[in-house]
Amino acid sequence: MELKNWILGIAVMILTIFVVVYGLGVIYPKIVYEDHCALIKTAEVIETQERCEQVGGQWNPYFDDIQCTKAPCVQGYCDRDYVCRKDYENALEVRSKKIFYISVPLGILIIFIGGFLFYLDAVGAGLMGGGVGTIIYGAGGYWRYGDDLFRFIISLLGLAAVIYLTYWFNKRDKRRFLFWKK
């Protein structure tokens, strides 16, 4: 493949990934922290567990025995964003799961389209690279929420699929479809 085809293939790959990422962003907008937790909270110093829980926080006691030299003696601190941060993280996980369930099959479909429908190496290879990038985008976003078994199964299935597709694309008969030469 000539240099210009390499460059065009890389451009097709990058633009395919952009289309998928921004298209999914339109369907599932990014989760914004400020929508769950206000940036500016009261300047009130919270010194009790009861008040901390009233403002939606979590009280965290100090582990060391602190010898107070003056009253009142505060025995911990308040994480004011605890409850809203949990809501934010749950919303992130739900969005990541949706993106995962859409982008992995879509990436596989894009790989097939690139391998089956286009004779031009630059377009076919670019689409196949874009399909791989789409899979990485979807799996990467959800990766931190999955356990080791999930990661192992996804990795194993991905490896098996890539080996199979590589073998199949290189050994298939030379019939040409749609955009292929006859």
N, C-alpha and C. Protein backbone atom coordinates (compact mmCIF):
# COMPACT_ATOMS: atom_id res chain seq x y z
N MET A 1 0.85 -1.17 0.00
CA MET A 1 0.00 0.00 0.00
C MET A 1 0.90 1.24 0.00
N GLU A 2 0.57 2.20 -0.85
CA GLU A 2 1.36 3.42 -0.97
C GLU A 2 1.15 4.33 0.24
N LEU A 3 2.05 5.27 0.39
CA LEU A 3 1.99 6.20 1.52
C LEU A 3 0.67 6.96 1.56
N LYS A 4 0.20 7.41 0.40
CA LYS A 4 -1.06 8.17 0.40
C LYS A 4 -2.22 7.28 0.88
N ASN A 5 -2.18 6.01 0.54
CA ASN A 5 -3.23 5.10 1.01
C ASN A 5 -3.14 4.84 2.51
N TRP A 6 -1.92 4.80 3.03
CA TRP A 6 -1.75 4.68 4.48
C TRP A 6 -2.36 5.89 5.18
N ILE A 7 -2.05 7.06 4.66
CA ILE A 7 -2.57 8.28 5.27
C ILE A 7 -4.10 8.33 5.16
N LEU A 8 -4.63 7.97 4.01
CA LEU A 8 -6.08 7.95 3.84
C LEU A 8 -6.73 6.90 4.75
N GLY A 9 -6.09 5.75 4.89
CA GLY A 9 -6.60 4.71 5.78
C GLY A 9 -6.64 5.17 7.22
N ILE A 10 -5.59 5.84 7.65
CA ILE A 10 -5.55 6.37 9.02
C ILE A 10 -6.63 7.44 9.20
N ALA A 11 -6.82 8.28 8.17
CA ALA A 11 -7.86 9.31 8.25
C ALA A 11 -9.24 8.67 8.34
N VAL A 12 -9.49 7.62 7.56
CA VAL A 12 -10.78 6.92 7.63
C VAL A 12 -10.97 6.32 9.02
N MET A 13 -9.92 5.74 9.56
CA MET A 13 -10.00 5.15 10.89
C MET A 13 -10.35 6.20 11.95
N ILE A 14 -9.62 7.29 11.95
CA ILE A 14 -9.84 8.34 12.96
C ILE A 14 -11.23 8.93 12.82
N LEU A 15 -11.65 9.21 11.60
CA LEU A 15 -12.97 9.80 11.39
C LEU A 15 -14.09 8.82 11.73
N THR A 16 -13.88 7.54 11.51
CA THR A 16 -14.86 6.53 11.91
C THR A 16 -15.03 6.55 13.42
N ILE A 17 -13.93 6.59 14.14
CA ILE A 17 -14.00 6.65 15.61
C ILE A 17 -14.69 7.93 16.05
N PHE A 18 -14.36 9.07 15.43
CA PHE A 18 -15.03 10.33 15.78
C PHE A 18 -16.53 10.25 15.56
N VAL A 19 -16.95 9.69 14.43
CA VAL A 19 -18.38 9.59 14.14
C VAL A 19 -19.08 8.76 15.22
N VAL A 20 -18.48 7.64 15.59
CA VAL A 20 -19.10 6.78 16.61
C VAL A 20 -19.13 7.48 17.97
N VAL A 21 -18.00 8.03 18.39
CA VAL A 21 -17.91 8.64 19.72
C VAL A 21 -18.87 9.83 19.83
N TYR A 22 -18.86 10.71 18.85
CA TYR A 22 -19.72 11.89 18.92
C TYR A 22 -21.18 11.53 18.66
N GLY A 23 -21.43 10.52 17.83
CA GLY A 23 -22.79 10.05 17.62
C GLY A 23 -23.38 9.48 18.90
N LEU A 24 -22.60 8.66 19.61
CA LEU A 24 -23.07 8.13 20.89
C LEU A 24 -23.21 9.23 21.93
N GLY A 25 -22.37 10.26 21.83
CA GLY A 25 -22.48 11.40 22.73
C GLY A 25 -23.77 12.18 22.53
N VAL A 26 -24.28 12.18 21.30
CA VAL A 26 -25.57 12.83 21.03
C VAL A 26 -26.70 12.02 21.65
N ILE A 27 -26.62 10.70 21.52
CA ILE A 27 -27.66 9.82 22.06
C ILE A 27 -27.59 9.76 23.58
N TYR A 28 -26.38 9.61 24.11
CA TYR A 28 -26.16 9.54 25.56
C TYR A 28 -25.19 10.64 25.96
N PRO A 29 -25.70 11.83 26.27
CA PRO A 29 -24.81 12.95 26.62
C PRO A 29 -23.92 12.60 27.82
N LYS A 30 -22.77 13.25 27.86
CA LYS A 30 -21.84 13.02 28.95
C LYS A 30 -22.47 13.41 30.28
N ILE A 31 -22.09 12.69 31.31
CA ILE A 31 -22.58 12.96 32.66
C ILE A 31 -21.69 14.05 33.25
N VAL A 32 -22.29 15.12 33.70
CA VAL A 32 -21.55 16.27 34.22
C VAL A 32 -21.62 16.26 35.75
N TYR A 33 -20.48 16.34 36.38
CA TYR A 33 -20.39 16.30 37.85
C TYR A 33 -21.25 17.38 38.49
N GLU A 34 -21.21 18.58 37.92
CA GLU A 34 -21.93 19.71 38.50
C GLU A 34 -23.45 19.50 38.47
N ASP A 35 -23.94 18.63 37.59
CA ASP A 35 -25.37 18.34 37.57
C ASP A 35 -25.79 17.51 38.78
N HIS A 36 -24.83 16.85 39.41
CA HIS A 36 -25.12 16.01 40.58
C HIS A 36 -24.66 16.67 41.88
N CYS A 37 -23.56 17.39 41.82
CA CYS A 37 -23.00 18.02 43.01
C CYS A 37 -22.71 19.48 42.70
N ALA A 38 -23.27 20.36 43.48
CA ALA A 38 -23.03 21.79 43.29
C ALA A 38 -21.57 22.09 43.60
N LEU A 39 -20.99 22.99 42.83
CA LEU A 39 -19.58 23.34 43.04
C LEU A 39 -19.37 24.13 44.32
N ILE A 40 -20.25 25.06 44.58
CA ILE A 40 -20.06 25.92 45.75
C ILE A 40 -21.08 25.52 46.80
N LYS A 41 -20.58 25.15 47.93
CA LYS A 41 -21.45 24.84 49.07
C LYS A 41 -21.22 25.89 50.13
N THR A 42 -22.06 25.85 51.11
CA THR A 42 -21.95 26.82 52.19
C THR A 42 -20.56 26.76 52.83
N ALA A 43 -20.13 27.87 53.31
CA ALA A 43 -18.82 27.95 53.95
C ALA A 43 -18.88 27.47 55.40
N GLU A 44 -20.02 26.95 55.79
CA GLU A 44 -20.21 26.46 57.15
C GLU A 44 -19.21 25.35 57.47
N VAL A 45 -18.61 25.44 58.63
CA VAL A 45 -17.72 24.39 59.12
C VAL A 45 -18.60 23.37 59.83
N ILE A 46 -18.55 22.16 59.35
CA ILE A 46 -19.40 21.11 59.92
C ILE A 46 -18.56 20.30 60.90
N GLU A 47 -19.03 20.27 62.14
CA GLU A 47 -18.24 19.64 63.19
C GLU A 47 -18.93 18.44 63.82
N THR A 48 -20.13 18.10 63.34
CA THR A 48 -20.83 16.96 63.93
C THR A 48 -21.34 16.03 62.83
N GLN A 49 -21.46 14.77 63.19
CA GLN A 49 -21.96 13.77 62.26
C GLN A 49 -23.40 14.06 61.86
N GLU A 50 -24.21 14.50 62.80
CA GLU A 50 -25.62 14.78 62.51
C GLU A 50 -25.76 15.87 61.45
N ARG A 51 -25.03 16.97 61.62
CA ARG A 51 -25.11 18.06 60.65
C ARG A 51 -24.56 17.63 59.29
N CYS A 52 -23.53 16.84 59.30
CA CYS A 52 -22.95 16.34 58.06
C CYS A 52 -23.97 15.53 57.28
N GLU A 53 -24.67 14.63 57.95
CA GLU A 53 -25.68 13.81 57.28
C GLU A 53 -26.87 14.65 56.82
N GLN A 54 -27.18 15.75 57.52
CA GLN A 54 -28.27 16.63 57.11
C GLN A 54 -27.97 17.31 55.77
N VAL A 55 -26.72 17.61 55.50
CA VAL A 55 -26.36 18.27 54.24
C VAL A 55 -26.01 17.28 53.14
N GLY A 56 -26.24 15.99 53.39
CA GLY A 56 -25.98 14.97 52.36
C GLY A 56 -24.56 14.49 52.30
N GLY A 57 -23.86 14.60 53.41
CA GLY A 57 -22.47 14.17 53.44
C GLY A 57 -22.29 12.89 54.22
N GLN A 58 -21.04 12.47 54.33
CA GLN A 58 -20.70 11.30 55.11
C GLN A 58 -19.64 11.72 56.14
N TRP A 59 -19.89 11.36 57.37
CA TRP A 59 -18.96 11.69 58.45
C TRP A 59 -17.85 10.65 58.48
N ASN A 60 -16.62 11.12 58.54
CA ASN A 60 -15.46 10.25 58.59
C ASN A 60 -14.67 10.53 59.86
N PRO A 61 -14.73 9.60 60.82
CA PRO A 61 -14.00 9.84 62.07
C PRO A 61 -12.49 9.70 61.86
N TYR A 62 -11.76 10.44 62.66
CA TYR A 62 -10.30 10.31 62.64
C TYR A 62 -9.94 8.98 63.28
N PHE A 63 -8.89 8.34 62.77
CA PHE A 63 -8.48 7.05 63.31
C PHE A 63 -7.55 7.20 64.51
N ASP A 64 -6.82 8.27 64.54
CA ASP A 64 -5.90 8.49 65.65
C ASP A 64 -6.65 9.11 66.82
N ASP A 65 -6.19 8.80 68.00
CA ASP A 65 -6.75 9.48 69.17
C ASP A 65 -6.17 10.87 69.22
N ILE A 66 -7.02 11.83 68.98
CA ILE A 66 -6.58 13.22 68.97
C ILE A 66 -6.83 13.80 70.35
N GLN A 67 -5.81 14.35 70.91
CA GLN A 67 -5.93 15.01 72.20
C GLN A 67 -6.30 16.47 71.94
N CYS A 68 -7.51 16.81 72.31
CA CYS A 68 -7.98 18.17 72.09
C CYS A 68 -7.44 19.07 73.18
N THR A 69 -6.96 20.21 72.76
CA THR A 69 -6.47 21.18 73.73
C THR A 69 -7.47 22.30 73.95
N LYS A 70 -8.46 22.41 73.04
CA LYS A 70 -9.48 23.42 73.21
C LYS A 70 -10.83 22.85 72.77
N ALA A 71 -11.88 23.41 73.29
CA ALA A 71 -13.23 22.95 72.95
C ALA A 71 -13.76 23.81 71.81
N PRO A 72 -14.63 23.34 70.97
CA PRO A 72 -15.09 21.95 70.91
C PRO A 72 -14.06 21.09 70.19
N CYS A 73 -14.00 19.84 70.54
CA CYS A 73 -13.06 18.90 69.96
C CYS A 73 -13.76 18.15 68.82
N VAL A 74 -13.28 18.35 67.62
CA VAL A 74 -13.87 17.69 66.45
C VAL A 74 -13.17 16.36 66.25
N GLN A 75 -13.96 15.28 66.19
CA GLN A 75 -13.40 13.93 66.11
C GLN A 75 -13.45 13.34 64.70
N GLY A 76 -13.64 14.18 63.71
CA GLY A 76 -13.69 13.68 62.33
C GLY A 76 -13.91 14.83 61.37
N TYR A 77 -14.24 14.48 60.12
CA TYR A 77 -14.51 15.51 59.12
C TYR A 77 -15.66 15.06 58.24
N CYS A 78 -16.27 16.01 57.54
CA CYS A 78 -17.44 15.75 56.72
C CYS A 78 -17.07 15.77 55.24
N ASP A 79 -17.38 14.68 54.56
CA ASP A 79 -17.26 14.61 53.11
C ASP A 79 -18.61 15.05 52.55
N ARG A 80 -18.75 16.32 52.24
CA ARG A 80 -20.05 16.89 51.86
C ARG A 80 -20.60 16.32 50.55
N ASP A 81 -19.75 15.93 49.65
CA ASP A 81 -20.19 15.46 48.34
C ASP A 81 -20.43 13.95 48.28
N TYR A 82 -20.39 13.27 49.39
CA TYR A 82 -20.46 11.81 49.38
C TYR A 82 -21.70 11.28 48.66
N VAL A 83 -22.87 11.73 49.05
CA VAL A 83 -24.12 11.20 48.48
C VAL A 83 -24.25 11.59 47.01
N CYS A 84 -24.01 12.86 46.70
CA CYS A 84 -24.17 13.28 45.30
C CYS A 84 -23.08 12.66 44.42
N ARG A 85 -21.88 12.43 44.96
CA ARG A 85 -20.82 11.79 44.20
C ARG A 85 -21.17 10.34 43.88
N LYS A 86 -21.82 9.66 44.82
CA LYS A 86 -22.28 8.28 44.57
C LYS A 86 -23.32 8.28 43.44
N ASP A 87 -24.24 9.24 43.46
CA ASP A 87 -25.23 9.36 42.38
C ASP A 87 -24.54 9.60 41.05
N TYR A 88 -23.53 10.47 41.07
CA TYR A 88 -22.76 10.77 39.85
C TYR A 88 -22.06 9.51 39.33
N GLU A 89 -21.40 8.79 40.21
CA GLU A 89 -20.69 7.57 39.81
C GLU A 89 -21.65 6.51 39.30
N ASN A 90 -22.82 6.39 39.90
CA ASN A 90 -23.82 5.44 39.41
C ASN A 90 -24.32 5.83 38.02
N ALA A 91 -24.53 7.12 37.79
CA ALA A 91 -24.95 7.59 36.47
C ALA A 91 -23.86 7.33 35.43
N LEU A 92 -22.59 7.51 35.82
CA LEU A 92 -21.48 7.21 34.91
C LEU A 92 -21.46 5.73 34.53
N GLU A 93 -21.69 4.87 35.52
CA GLU A 93 -21.68 3.43 35.25
C GLU A 93 -22.81 3.03 34.31
N VAL A 94 -23.99 3.58 34.53
CA VAL A 94 -25.13 3.27 33.67
C VAL A 94 -24.85 3.72 32.24
N ARG A 95 -24.31 4.93 32.06
CA ARG A 95 -23.99 5.42 30.72
C ARG A 95 -22.91 4.56 30.08
N SER A 96 -21.88 4.22 30.84
CA SER A 96 -20.79 3.39 30.31
C SER A 96 -21.29 2.03 29.85
N LYS A 97 -22.21 1.46 30.60
CA LYS A 97 -22.77 0.16 30.22
C LYS A 97 -23.56 0.27 28.91
N LYS A 98 -24.35 1.32 28.76
CA LYS A 98 -25.11 1.53 27.53
C LYS A 98 -24.18 1.72 26.34
N ILE A 99 -23.13 2.53 26.53
CA ILE A 99 -22.15 2.76 25.47
C ILE A 99 -21.47 1.44 25.10
N PHE A 100 -21.14 0.64 26.10
CA PHE A 100 -20.49 -0.65 25.87
C PHE A 100 -21.38 -1.56 25.03
N TYR A 101 -22.66 -1.67 25.42
CA TYR A 101 -23.57 -2.57 24.72
C TYR A 101 -23.85 -2.12 23.28
N ILE A 102 -23.66 -0.86 22.98
CA ILE A 102 -23.87 -0.38 21.61
C ILE A 102 -22.56 -0.43 20.81
N SER A 103 -21.47 0.04 21.40
CA SER A 103 -20.23 0.20 20.63
C SER A 103 -19.52 -1.10 20.30
N VAL A 104 -19.61 -2.10 21.15
CA VAL A 104 -18.92 -3.36 20.83
C VAL A 104 -19.55 -4.04 19.61
N PRO A 105 -20.87 -4.25 19.57
CA PRO A 105 -21.44 -4.83 18.34
C PRO A 105 -21.27 -3.90 17.13
N LEU A 106 -21.37 -2.59 17.34
CA LEU A 106 -21.19 -1.65 16.24
C LEU A 106 -19.76 -1.73 15.71
N GLY A 107 -18.78 -1.84 16.60
CA GLY A 107 -17.39 -1.99 16.17
C GLY A 107 -17.18 -3.25 15.36
N ILE A 108 -17.79 -4.34 15.80
CA ILE A 108 -17.69 -5.60 15.05
C ILE A 108 -18.32 -5.45 13.68
N LEU A 109 -19.48 -4.80 13.61
CA LEU A 109 -20.15 -4.55 12.34
C LEU A 109 -19.28 -3.71 11.42
N ILE A 110 -18.65 -2.68 11.95
CA ILE A 110 -17.78 -1.81 11.15
C ILE A 110 -16.58 -2.61 10.62
N ILE A 111 -16.04 -3.49 11.44
CA ILE A 111 -14.93 -4.34 10.98
C ILE A 111 -15.39 -5.22 9.81
N PHE A 112 -16.57 -5.83 9.95
CA PHE A 112 -17.10 -6.66 8.86
C PHE A 112 -17.33 -5.84 7.60
N ILE A 113 -17.90 -4.67 7.75
CA ILE A 113 -18.15 -3.81 6.58
C ILE A 113 -16.83 -3.46 5.90
N GLY A 114 -15.84 -3.11 6.68
CA GLY A 114 -14.53 -2.78 6.12
C GLY A 114 -13.89 -3.96 5.42
N GLY A 115 -14.08 -5.15 5.97
CA GLY A 115 -13.46 -6.34 5.38
C GLY A 115 -14.23 -6.91 4.20
N PHE A 116 -15.54 -6.78 4.21
CA PHE A 116 -16.36 -7.39 3.18
C PHE A 116 -16.67 -6.48 2.00
N LEU A 117 -16.95 -5.24 2.24
CA LEU A 117 -17.56 -4.41 1.22
C LEU A 117 -16.62 -3.52 0.44
N PHE A 118 -15.40 -3.34 0.88
CA PHE A 118 -14.53 -2.38 0.21
C PHE A 118 -13.28 -3.04 -0.34
N TYR A 119 -13.07 -2.87 -1.63
CA TYR A 119 -11.87 -3.38 -2.27
C TYR A 119 -10.68 -2.49 -1.97
N LEU A 120 -10.90 -1.18 -1.91
CA LEU A 120 -9.80 -0.26 -1.66
C LEU A 120 -9.21 -0.54 -0.28
N ASP A 121 -7.93 -0.83 -0.28
CA ASP A 121 -7.26 -1.14 0.99
C ASP A 121 -7.38 -0.01 2.00
N ALA A 122 -7.23 1.23 1.53
CA ALA A 122 -7.26 2.37 2.44
C ALA A 122 -8.61 2.47 3.14
N VAL A 123 -9.69 2.30 2.41
CA VAL A 123 -11.02 2.41 2.99
C VAL A 123 -11.32 1.20 3.88
N GLY A 124 -11.08 0.01 3.35
CA GLY A 124 -11.36 -1.21 4.13
C GLY A 124 -10.54 -1.28 5.41
N ALA A 125 -9.23 -1.03 5.28
CA ALA A 125 -8.37 -1.08 6.46
C ALA A 125 -8.72 0.05 7.43
N GLY A 126 -9.04 1.22 6.90
CA GLY A 126 -9.41 2.34 7.76
C GLY A 126 -10.69 2.04 8.53
N LEU A 127 -11.68 1.48 7.85
CA LEU A 127 -12.92 1.10 8.55
C LEU A 127 -12.66 0.02 9.59
N MET A 128 -11.84 -0.96 9.24
CA MET A 128 -11.54 -2.01 10.20
C MET A 128 -10.82 -1.43 11.43
N GLY A 129 -9.89 -0.52 11.21
CA GLY A 129 -9.23 0.15 12.33
C GLY A 129 -10.21 0.97 13.15
N GLY A 130 -11.14 1.63 12.46
CA GLY A 130 -12.17 2.38 13.16
C GLY A 130 -13.07 1.48 13.98
N GLY A 131 -13.34 0.28 13.46
CA GLY A 131 -14.12 -0.69 14.22
C GLY A 131 -13.41 -1.13 15.48
N VAL A 132 -12.12 -1.36 15.35
CA VAL A 132 -11.32 -1.73 16.53
C VAL A 132 -11.31 -0.59 17.54
N GLY A 133 -11.14 0.64 17.05
CA GLY A 133 -11.17 1.80 17.94
C GLY A 133 -12.51 1.97 18.62
N THR A 134 -13.59 1.66 17.91
CA THR A 134 -14.93 1.73 18.49
C THR A 134 -15.09 0.71 19.61
N ILE A 135 -14.59 -0.48 19.40
CA ILE A 135 -14.65 -1.52 20.44
C ILE A 135 -13.83 -1.08 21.66
N ILE A 136 -12.66 -0.55 21.42
CA ILE A 136 -11.81 -0.10 22.53
C ILE A 136 -12.50 1.03 23.30
N TYR A 137 -13.15 1.95 22.58
CA TYR A 137 -13.86 3.05 23.23
C TYR A 137 -14.97 2.51 24.14
N GLY A 138 -15.76 1.59 23.63
CA GLY A 138 -16.87 1.05 24.42
C GLY A 138 -16.42 0.20 25.58
N ALA A 139 -15.48 -0.70 25.31
CA ALA A 139 -15.00 -1.59 26.37
C ALA A 139 -14.16 -0.81 27.38
N GLY A 140 -13.39 0.15 26.92
CA GLY A 140 -12.54 0.93 27.82
C GLY A 140 -13.34 1.75 28.81
N GLY A 141 -14.46 2.29 28.38
CA GLY A 141 -15.28 3.08 29.28
C GLY A 141 -15.94 2.25 30.37
N TYR A 142 -16.25 1.01 30.04
CA TYR A 142 -16.93 0.15 31.02
C TYR A 142 -15.96 -0.76 31.76
N TRP A 143 -14.73 -0.78 31.34
CA TRP A 143 -13.72 -1.72 31.86
C TRP A 143 -13.58 -1.65 33.38
N ARG A 144 -13.57 -0.45 33.95
CA ARG A 144 -13.34 -0.30 35.39
C ARG A 144 -14.50 -0.81 36.22
N TYR A 145 -15.68 -0.95 35.62
CA TYR A 145 -16.84 -1.43 36.36
C TYR A 145 -16.96 -2.95 36.34
N GLY A 146 -16.28 -3.59 35.41
CA GLY A 146 -16.36 -5.04 35.31
C GLY A 146 -15.39 -5.72 36.25
N ASP A 147 -15.72 -6.94 36.63
CA ASP A 147 -14.80 -7.70 37.48
C ASP A 147 -13.80 -8.45 36.59
N ASP A 148 -12.89 -9.17 37.21
CA ASP A 148 -11.84 -9.86 36.45
C ASP A 148 -12.41 -10.91 35.51
N LEU A 149 -13.47 -11.61 35.90
CA LEU A 149 -14.07 -12.61 35.03
C LEU A 149 -14.64 -11.95 33.78
N PHE A 150 -15.33 -10.83 33.94
CA PHE A 150 -15.86 -10.08 32.80
C PHE A 150 -14.73 -9.67 31.86
N ARG A 151 -13.66 -9.12 32.41
CA ARG A 151 -12.52 -8.68 31.59
C ARG A 151 -11.88 -9.85 30.86
N PHE A 152 -11.75 -10.98 31.56
CA PHE A 152 -11.16 -12.17 30.95
C PHE A 152 -12.02 -12.65 29.79
N ILE A 153 -13.33 -12.75 30.00
CA ILE A 153 -14.23 -13.27 28.96
C ILE A 153 -14.24 -12.34 27.75
N ILE A 154 -14.34 -11.03 27.98
CA ILE A 154 -14.33 -10.07 26.87
C ILE A 154 -13.00 -10.15 26.11
N SER A 155 -11.89 -10.23 26.83
CA SER A 155 -10.58 -10.32 26.18
C SER A 155 -10.44 -11.61 25.39
N LEU A 156 -10.89 -12.71 25.96
CA LEU A 156 -10.82 -14.00 25.28
C LEU A 156 -11.68 -14.01 24.02
N LEU A 157 -12.91 -13.51 24.12
CA LEU A 157 -13.78 -13.44 22.95
C LEU A 157 -13.20 -12.53 21.88
N GLY A 158 -12.63 -11.41 22.29
CA GLY A 158 -12.00 -10.50 21.34
C GLY A 158 -10.83 -11.14 20.63
N LEU A 159 -9.99 -11.83 21.38
CA LEU A 159 -8.84 -12.51 20.78
C LEU A 159 -9.29 -13.58 19.80
N ALA A 160 -10.26 -14.39 20.20
CA ALA A 160 -10.77 -15.44 19.31
C ALA A 160 -11.37 -14.84 18.05
N ALA A 161 -12.12 -13.76 18.19
CA ALA A 161 -12.74 -13.13 17.02
C ALA A 161 -11.69 -12.57 16.07
N VAL A 162 -10.67 -11.92 16.62
CA VAL A 162 -9.63 -11.34 15.77
C VAL A 162 -8.85 -12.44 15.05
N ILE A 163 -8.51 -13.51 15.75
CA ILE A 163 -7.79 -14.62 15.10
C ILE A 163 -8.65 -15.23 14.01
N TYR A 164 -9.93 -15.45 14.29
CA TYR A 164 -10.83 -16.03 13.29
C TYR A 164 -10.96 -15.11 12.08
N LEU A 165 -11.20 -13.82 12.33
CA LEU A 165 -11.37 -12.88 11.21
C LEU A 165 -10.09 -12.76 10.39
N THR A 166 -8.94 -12.74 11.06
CA THR A 166 -7.68 -12.66 10.33
C THR A 166 -7.51 -13.88 9.43
N TYR A 167 -7.77 -15.05 9.98
CA TYR A 167 -7.67 -16.27 9.18
C TYR A 167 -8.67 -16.24 8.04
N TRP A 168 -9.91 -15.88 8.34
CA TRP A 168 -10.97 -15.91 7.34
C TRP A 168 -10.72 -14.90 6.22
N PHE A 169 -10.32 -13.67 6.58
CA PHE A 169 -10.07 -12.65 5.56
C PHE A 169 -8.91 -13.04 4.66
N ASN A 170 -7.92 -13.72 5.18
CA ASN A 170 -6.75 -14.10 4.39
C ASN A 170 -6.94 -15.40 3.62
N LYS A 171 -7.89 -16.26 4.01
CA LYS A 171 -8.07 -17.55 3.35
C LYS A 171 -9.35 -17.66 2.54
N ARG A 172 -10.22 -16.66 2.60
CA ARG A 172 -11.51 -16.77 1.91
C ARG A 172 -11.32 -16.82 0.40
N ASP A 173 -12.35 -17.30 -0.26
CA ASP A 173 -12.26 -17.33 -1.72
C ASP A 173 -12.29 -15.91 -2.25
N LYS A 174 -11.94 -15.74 -3.47
CA LYS A 174 -11.72 -14.41 -4.03
C LYS A 174 -12.96 -13.81 -4.69
N ARG A 175 -14.15 -14.31 -4.33
CA ARG A 175 -15.36 -13.67 -4.85
C ARG A 175 -15.40 -12.24 -4.36
N ARG A 176 -15.93 -11.37 -5.19
CA ARG A 176 -15.98 -9.95 -4.85
C ARG A 176 -17.43 -9.50 -4.75
N PHE A 177 -17.71 -8.69 -3.76
CA PHE A 177 -19.05 -8.15 -3.58
C PHE A 177 -19.00 -6.65 -3.70
N LEU A 178 -20.14 -6.05 -3.86
CA LEU A 178 -20.41 -4.64 -3.83
C LEU A 178 -19.28 -3.76 -4.36
N PHE A 179 -18.33 -3.40 -3.55
CA PHE A 179 -17.30 -2.44 -3.96
C PHE A 179 -15.99 -3.13 -4.37
N TRP A 180 -15.99 -4.44 -4.44
CA TRP A 180 -14.78 -5.17 -4.81
C TRP A 180 -14.67 -5.30 -6.31
N LYS A 181 -13.45 -5.46 -6.76
CA LYS A 181 -13.22 -5.75 -8.19
C LYS A 181 -13.66 -7.17 -8.48
N LYS A 182 -14.04 -7.39 -9.68
CA LYS A 182 -14.43 -8.75 -10.09
C LYS A 182 -13.25 -9.45 -10.68
